[in-house]
C-alpha atoms as a PDB file:
ATOM      1  CA  MET A   1      76.587  65.350  21.446  1.00  0.00           C
ATOM      2  CA  ALA A   2      75.893  66.573  17.751  1.00  0.00           C
ATOM      3  CA  ALA A   3      75.186  70.118  16.939  1.00  0.00           C
ATOM      4  CA  ASP A   4      73.881  71.797  13.994  1.00  0.00           C
ATOM      5  CA  ASP A   5      75.567  74.996  12.880  1.00  0.00           C
ATOM      6  CA  SER A   6      73.986  77.631  10.533  1.00  0.00           C
ATOM      7  CA  SER A   7      75.305  75.949   7.427  1.00  0.00           C
ATOM      8  CA  GLY A   8      73.259  73.225   8.275  1.00  0.00           C
ATOM      9  CA  ARG A   9      76.060  70.450   8.573  1.00  0.00           C
ATOM     10  CA  SER A  10      76.068  68.320  11.571  1.00  0.00           C
ATOM     11  CA  GLY A  11      79.193  67.943  13.783  1.00  0.00           C
ATOM     12  CA  VAL A  12      80.346  66.694  16.725  1.00  0.00           C
ATOM     13  CA  VAL A  13      81.225  69.027  19.878  1.00  0.00           C
ATOM     14  CA  ARG A  14      84.771  67.855  21.219  1.00  0.00           C
ATOM     15  CA  ALA A  15      85.575  68.027  25.195  1.00  0.00           C
ATOM     16  CA  GLY A  16      86.940  71.606  25.692  1.00  0.00           C
ATOM     17  CA  THR A  17      85.030  72.998  23.033  1.00  0.00           C
ATOM     18  CA  SER A  18      81.942  75.213  22.920  1.00  0.00           C
ATOM     19  CA  THR A  19      79.053  75.857  20.607  1.00  0.00           C
ATOM     20  CA  GLY A  20      78.591  79.846  19.884  1.00  0.00           C
ATOM     21  CA  VAL A  21      75.524  79.802  22.168  1.00  0.00           C
ATOM     22  CA  GLU A  22      77.484  78.800  25.019  1.00  0.00           C
ATOM     23  CA  ALA A  23      80.306  80.932  24.089  1.00  0.00           C
ATOM     24  CA  ALA A  24      77.966  84.108  24.141  1.00  0.00           C
ATOM     25  CA  GLY A  25      77.231  83.658  27.766  1.00  0.00           C
ATOM     26  CA  CYS A  26      80.998  83.531  28.848  1.00  0.00           C
ATOM     27  CA  GLY A  27      81.988  87.343  29.073  1.00  0.00           C
ATOM     28  CA  THR A  28      79.445  88.170  31.828  1.00  0.00           C
ATOM     29  CA  ALA A  29      78.990  86.805  35.131  1.00  0.00           C
ATOM     30  CA  SER A  30      75.205  85.678  36.379  1.00  0.00           C
ATOM     31  CA  PRO A  31      73.934  87.843  39.544  1.00  0.00           C
ATOM     32  CA  ALA A  32      73.896  84.470  41.420  1.00  0.00           C
ATOM     33  CA  HIS A  33      77.579  83.693  40.607  1.00  0.00           C
ATOM     34  CA  GLU A  34      78.624  87.272  42.002  1.00  0.00           C
ATOM     35  CA  ALA A  35      76.655  87.183  45.256  1.00  0.00           C
ATOM     36  CA  ALA A  36      78.347  83.611  45.748  1.00  0.00           C
ATOM     37  CA  SER A  37      81.728  85.364  45.238  1.00  0.00           C
ATOM     38  CA  VAL A  38      81.119  88.077  47.874  1.00  0.00           C
ATOM     39  CA  VAL A  39      79.484  85.653  50.411  1.00  0.00           C
ATOM     40  CA  SER A  40      82.133  83.077  49.987  1.00  0.00           C
ATOM     41  CA  PRO A  41      85.380  85.242  51.768  1.00  0.00           C
ATOM     42  CA  LEU A  42      83.020  86.485  54.507  1.00  0.00           C
ATOM     43  CA  ARG A  43      82.105  82.777  55.322  1.00  0.00           C
ATOM     44  CA  ARG A  44      85.495  82.147  55.276  1.00  0.00           C
ATOM     45  CA  VAL A  45      86.158  84.891  57.738  1.00  0.00           C
ATOM     46  CA  MET A  46      83.201  83.895  60.249  1.00  0.00           C
ATOM     47  CA  ARG A  47      84.437  79.990  59.887  1.00  0.00           C
ATOM     48  CA  SER A  48      87.967  81.156  60.995  1.00  0.00           C
ATOM     49  CA  VAL A  49      86.603  83.503  63.897  1.00  0.00           C
ATOM     50  CA  LEU A  50      84.560  80.478  65.005  1.00  0.00           C
ATOM     51  CA  ARG A  51      87.452  77.911  64.823  1.00  0.00           C
ATOM     52  CA  GLY A  52      89.667  80.760  66.786  1.00  0.00           C
ATOM     53  CA  PHE A  53      86.513  81.170  69.675  1.00  0.00           C
ATOM     54  CA  LEU A  54      86.298  77.467  69.902  1.00  0.00           C
ATOM     55  CA  ALA A  55      90.083  77.014  70.447  1.00  0.00           C
ATOM     56  CA  VAL A  56      90.312  79.356  72.750  1.00  0.00           C
ATOM     57  CA  LEU A  57      87.188  77.992  74.725  1.00  0.00           C
ATOM     58  CA  LEU A  58      89.102  74.433  74.754  1.00  0.00           C
ATOM     59  CA  VAL A  59      92.209  76.053  76.033  1.00  0.00           C
ATOM     60  CA  VAL A  60      90.164  77.529  79.002  1.00  0.00           C
ATOM     61  CA  VAL A  61      88.220  74.734  79.825  1.00  0.00           C
ATOM     62  CA  GLY A  62      91.253  72.733  79.856  1.00  0.00           C
ATOM     63  CA  GLY A  63      93.409  74.966  82.121  1.00  0.00           C
ATOM     64  CA  VAL A  64      90.190  75.207  84.475  1.00  0.00           C
ATOM     65  CA  SER A  65      89.884  71.683  84.509  1.00  0.00           C
ATOM     66  CA  GLY A  66      93.646  71.161  85.279  1.00  0.00           C
ATOM     67  CA  TRP A  67      93.913  73.990  87.825  1.00  0.00           C
ATOM     68  CA  LEU A  68      90.526  72.132  89.590  1.00  0.00           C
ATOM     69  CA  TRP A  69      92.286  68.510  89.265  1.00  0.00           C
ATOM     70  CA  TRP A  70      95.407  69.941  90.571  1.00  0.00           C
ATOM     71  CA  THR A  71      93.976  72.091  93.685  1.00  0.00           C
ATOM     72  CA  ARG A  72      91.240  69.803  94.401  1.00  0.00           C
ATOM     73  CA  PRO A  73      92.897  65.977  94.403  1.00  0.00           C
ATOM     74  CA  PRO A  74      89.970  63.201  93.735  1.00  0.00           C
ATOM     75  CA  VAL A  75      91.898  60.970  96.559  1.00  0.00           C
ATOM     76  CA  ARG A  76      90.355  61.771  99.923  1.00  0.00           C
ATOM     77  CA  GLU A  77      90.761  58.569 101.587  1.00  0.00           C
ATOM     78  CA  VAL A  78      93.311  56.220 102.062  1.00  0.00           C
ATOM     79  CA  PRO A  79      93.348  52.346 103.804  1.00  0.00           C
ATOM     80  CA  LEU A  80      94.519  52.397 107.299  1.00  0.00           C
ATOM     81  CA  PRO A  81      97.796  49.956 107.363  1.00  0.00           C
ATOM     82  CA  ASP A  82      96.682  46.522 109.251  1.00  0.00           C
ATOM     83  CA  GLU A  83      99.656  46.992 111.736  1.00  0.00           C
ATOM     84  CA  LEU A  84      97.962  49.966 112.854  1.00  0.00           C
ATOM     85  CA  VAL A  85      94.388  48.624 113.491  1.00  0.00           C
ATOM     86  CA  ALA A  86      95.859  45.562 115.367  1.00  0.00           C
ATOM     87  CA  LYS A  87      97.175  48.279 117.920  1.00  0.00           C
ATOM     88  CA  GLY A  88      93.650  48.724 118.527  1.00  0.00           C
ATOM     89  CA  GLY A  89      92.836  52.162 118.382  1.00  0.00           C
ATOM     90  CA  THR A  90      89.545  54.241 118.152  1.00  0.00           C
ATOM     91  CA  TYR A  91      88.078  56.253 114.976  1.00  0.00           C
ATOM     92  CA  ALA A  92      87.386  59.858 115.182  1.00  0.00           C
ATOM     93  CA  GLN A  93      85.622  62.627 113.390  1.00  0.00           C
ATOM     94  CA  VAL A  94      87.116  65.990 113.624  1.00  0.00           C
ATOM     95  CA  HIS A  95      84.950  69.363 112.555  1.00  0.00           C
ATOM     96  CA  VAL A  96      84.198  72.179 114.368  1.00  0.00           C
ATOM     97  CA  SER A  97      80.174  71.120 114.506  1.00  0.00           C
ATOM     98  CA  ILE A  98      81.541  68.185 116.448  1.00  0.00           C
ATOM     99  CA  GLU A  99      82.672  68.206 120.331  1.00  0.00           C
ATOM    100  CA  PRO A 100      86.312  68.084 120.166  1.00  0.00           C
ATOM    101  CA  LEU A 101      88.013  64.982 121.340  1.00  0.00           C
ATOM    102  CA  GLN A 102      89.397  65.540 124.832  1.00  0.00           C
ATOM    103  CA  THR A 103      91.620  63.827 127.188  1.00  0.00           C
ATOM    104  CA  ALA A 104      93.137  65.049 130.623  1.00  0.00           C
ATOM    105  CA  ALA A 105      96.002  66.394 128.591  1.00  0.00           C
ATOM    106  CA  GLY A 106      94.144  68.827 126.324  1.00  0.00           C
ATOM    107  CA  GLN A 107      91.792  68.473 123.241  1.00  0.00           C
ATOM    108  CA  LEU A 108      92.133  67.916 119.666  1.00  0.00           C
ATOM    109  CA  GLN A 109      90.074  70.348 117.293  1.00  0.00           C
ATOM    110  CA  VAL A 110      90.001  70.858 113.324  1.00  0.00           C
ATOM    111  CA  GLY A 111      92.232  73.009 111.633  1.00  0.00           C
ATOM    112  CA  PRO A 112      92.735  74.441 108.100  1.00  0.00           C
ATOM    113  CA  LEU A 113      92.366  71.802 105.111  1.00  0.00           C
ATOM    114  CA  ARG A 114      94.740  72.690 101.753  1.00  0.00           C
ATOM    115  CA  SER A 115      95.924  70.924  99.234  1.00  0.00           C
ATOM    116  CA  GLU A 116      99.751  71.139  97.921  1.00  0.00           C
ATOM    117  CA  ARG A 117     101.445  69.415  94.988  1.00  0.00           C
ATOM    118  CA  HIS A 118      98.107  67.578  94.214  1.00  0.00           C
ATOM    119  CA  GLU A 119      97.828  66.053  97.983  1.00  0.00           C
ATOM    120  CA  TRP A 120      95.360  66.985 100.906  1.00  0.00           C
ATOM    121  CA  ILE A 121      96.998  68.092 104.031  1.00  0.00           C
ATOM    122  CA  GLY A 122      95.010  68.606 107.057  1.00  0.00           C
ATOM    123  CA  THR A 123      95.918  70.573 110.248  1.00  0.00           C
ATOM    124  CA  LEU A 124      94.967  69.386 113.532  1.00  0.00           C
ATOM    125  CA  LEU A 125      95.241  71.418 116.713  1.00  0.00           C
ATOM    126  CA  TRP A 126      95.990  70.003 119.798  1.00  0.00           C
ATOM    127  CA  ARG A 127      95.094  72.483 122.554  1.00  0.00           C
ATOM    128  CA  HIS A 128      97.044  71.915 125.980  1.00  0.00           C
ATOM    129  CA  ASN A 129      95.004  72.532 129.227  1.00  0.00           C
ATOM    130  CA  ASP A 130      97.247  75.438 129.934  1.00  0.00           C
ATOM    131  CA  GLY A 131      96.023  77.295 126.890  1.00  0.00           C
ATOM    132  CA  VAL A 132      98.769  76.487 124.419  1.00  0.00           C
ATOM    133  CA  GLN A 133      97.893  75.435 121.065  1.00  0.00           C
ATOM    134  CA  GLU A 134     100.032  73.204 118.913  1.00  0.00           C
ATOM    135  CA  PRO A 135      99.290  72.803 115.303  1.00  0.00           C
ATOM    136  CA  ILE A 136      99.816  69.748 113.468  1.00  0.00           C
ATOM    137  CA  GLU A 137      99.912  69.254 109.538  1.00  0.00           C
ATOM    138  CA  LEU A 138      99.274  65.630 108.557  1.00  0.00           C
ATOM    139  CA  ARG A 139      99.076  64.462 104.853  1.00  0.00           C
ATOM    140  CA  LEU A 140      96.388  61.568 103.997  1.00  0.00           C
ATOM    141  CA  GLY A 141      97.990  58.210 105.686  1.00  0.00           C
ATOM    142  CA  GLU A 142     100.652  59.970 107.696  1.00  0.00           C
ATOM    143  CA  THR A 143     100.815  59.374 111.187  1.00  0.00           C
ATOM    144  CA  THR A 144     102.517  61.395 114.140  1.00  0.00           C
ATOM    145  CA  HIS A 145     102.847  61.255 117.802  1.00  0.00           C
ATOM    146  CA  ILE A 146     100.725  63.722 120.263  1.00  0.00           C
ATOM    147  CA  ASP A 147     101.929  63.919 123.905  1.00  0.00           C
ATOM    148  CA  GLY A 148      99.047  63.508 126.252  1.00  0.00           C
ATOM    149  CA  LEU A 149      96.994  61.901 123.562  1.00  0.00           C
ATOM    150  CA  GLY A 150      98.531  59.070 121.245  1.00  0.00           C
ATOM    151  CA  THR A 151      99.386  57.937 117.969  1.00  0.00           C
ATOM    152  CA  VAL A 152      97.135  59.905 115.428  1.00  0.00           C
ATOM    153  CA  THR A 153      96.687  58.930 111.699  1.00  0.00           C
ATOM    154  CA  LEU A 154      94.495  61.271 109.297  1.00  0.00           C
ATOM    155  CA  PHE A 155      92.781  58.926 106.996  1.00  0.00           C
ATOM    156  CA  ALA A 156      90.079  60.720 105.342  1.00  0.00           C
ATOM    157  CA  VAL A 157      89.197  64.337 104.224  1.00  0.00           C
ATOM    158  CA  ASN A 158      85.970  66.274 103.382  1.00  0.00           C
ATOM    159  CA  PRO A 159      86.638  69.347 101.740  1.00  0.00           C
ATOM    160  CA  GLU A 160      84.028  72.120 101.704  1.00  0.00           C
ATOM    161  CA  PRO A 161      82.588  72.151  98.067  1.00  0.00           C
ATOM    162  CA  LEU A 162      83.729  74.791  95.615  1.00  0.00           C
ATOM    163  CA  LEU A 163      80.153  76.235  95.839  1.00  0.00           C
ATOM    164  CA  PRO A 164      79.707  76.492  99.432  1.00  0.00           C
ATOM    165  CA  ASP A 165      76.676  75.250 100.862  1.00  0.00           C
ATOM    166  CA  TYR A 166      75.969  76.198 104.459  1.00  0.00           C
ATOM    167  CA  ARG A 167      73.189  73.847 104.961  1.00  0.00           C
ATOM    168  CA  LEU A 168      75.556  70.769 104.687  1.00  0.00           C
ATOM    169  CA  GLY A 169      76.938  69.758 107.807  1.00  0.00           C
ATOM    170  CA  GLY A 170      79.415  66.758 108.410  1.00  0.00           C
ATOM    171  CA  TRP A 171      83.121  66.159 109.350  1.00  0.00           C
ATOM    172  CA  THR A 172      86.337  67.662 107.963  1.00  0.00           C
ATOM    173  CA  TYR A 173      88.677  64.725 108.975  1.00  0.00           C
ATOM    174  CA  LYS A 174      88.552  61.234 109.946  1.00  0.00           C
ATOM    175  CA  VAL A 175      91.553  60.326 112.099  1.00  0.00           C
ATOM    176  CA  TYR A 176      92.600  57.065 113.554  1.00  0.00           C
ATOM    177  CA  ILE A 177      93.688  57.308 117.360  1.00  0.00           C
ATOM    178  CA  VAL A 178      95.765  55.007 119.453  1.00  0.00           C
ATOM    179  CA  LEU A 179      95.879  56.490 123.010  1.00  0.00           C
ATOM    180  CA  ASP A 180      99.272  56.071 125.072  1.00  0.00           C
ATOM    181  CA  PRO A 181      98.954  53.848 128.090  1.00  0.00           C
ATOM    182  CA  GLY A 182      97.238  55.361 131.058  1.00  0.00           C
ATOM    183  CA  VAL A 183      95.295  58.208 128.626  1.00  0.00           C
ATOM    184  CA  GLU A 184      91.702  58.173 128.619  1.00  0.00           C
ATOM    185  CA  ARG A 185      89.184  59.551 126.476  1.00  0.00           C
ATOM    186  CA  ILE A 186      86.852  62.246 128.350  1.00  0.00           C
ATOM    187  CA  MET A 187      83.468  62.170 126.442  1.00  0.00           C
END
């Protein structure tokens, strides 16, 4: 780029040098430049606050999701073993709104459902005819023997939703029962 100085000589402006006109403006800052320098730290603070808020939000969402995953396990049904099905049992649903399964020795009722160590544990209540109630805790897929009834396997659970909707009915447990010889189900 060529520049003329006051003596009329023409010269070449080298990189890093300035002409007299440009040098005159270097001593003062323009108002736009001053406003940008004031806003810049404010923007940095706002960005830092926003990043911090987003980090805290992600930690909270991750924590709540992990807690829900741990306390509300997604596995709610397991397959029955073939050797158990070969014995010829019956399926039953157990819930407070469903008539309890009854035999001459007592009746099978629903108890509380909870999760422990990321698995569902259901409680069945075996109420003897003499009034004695026997709580039986079963994990999904677990089998137990109840005197006066037979072999009971818990194979499915239906927990209440996080936000209860009392219009929804249904079952709490699905069990597979192989009745003891001589035991008959009373309808």
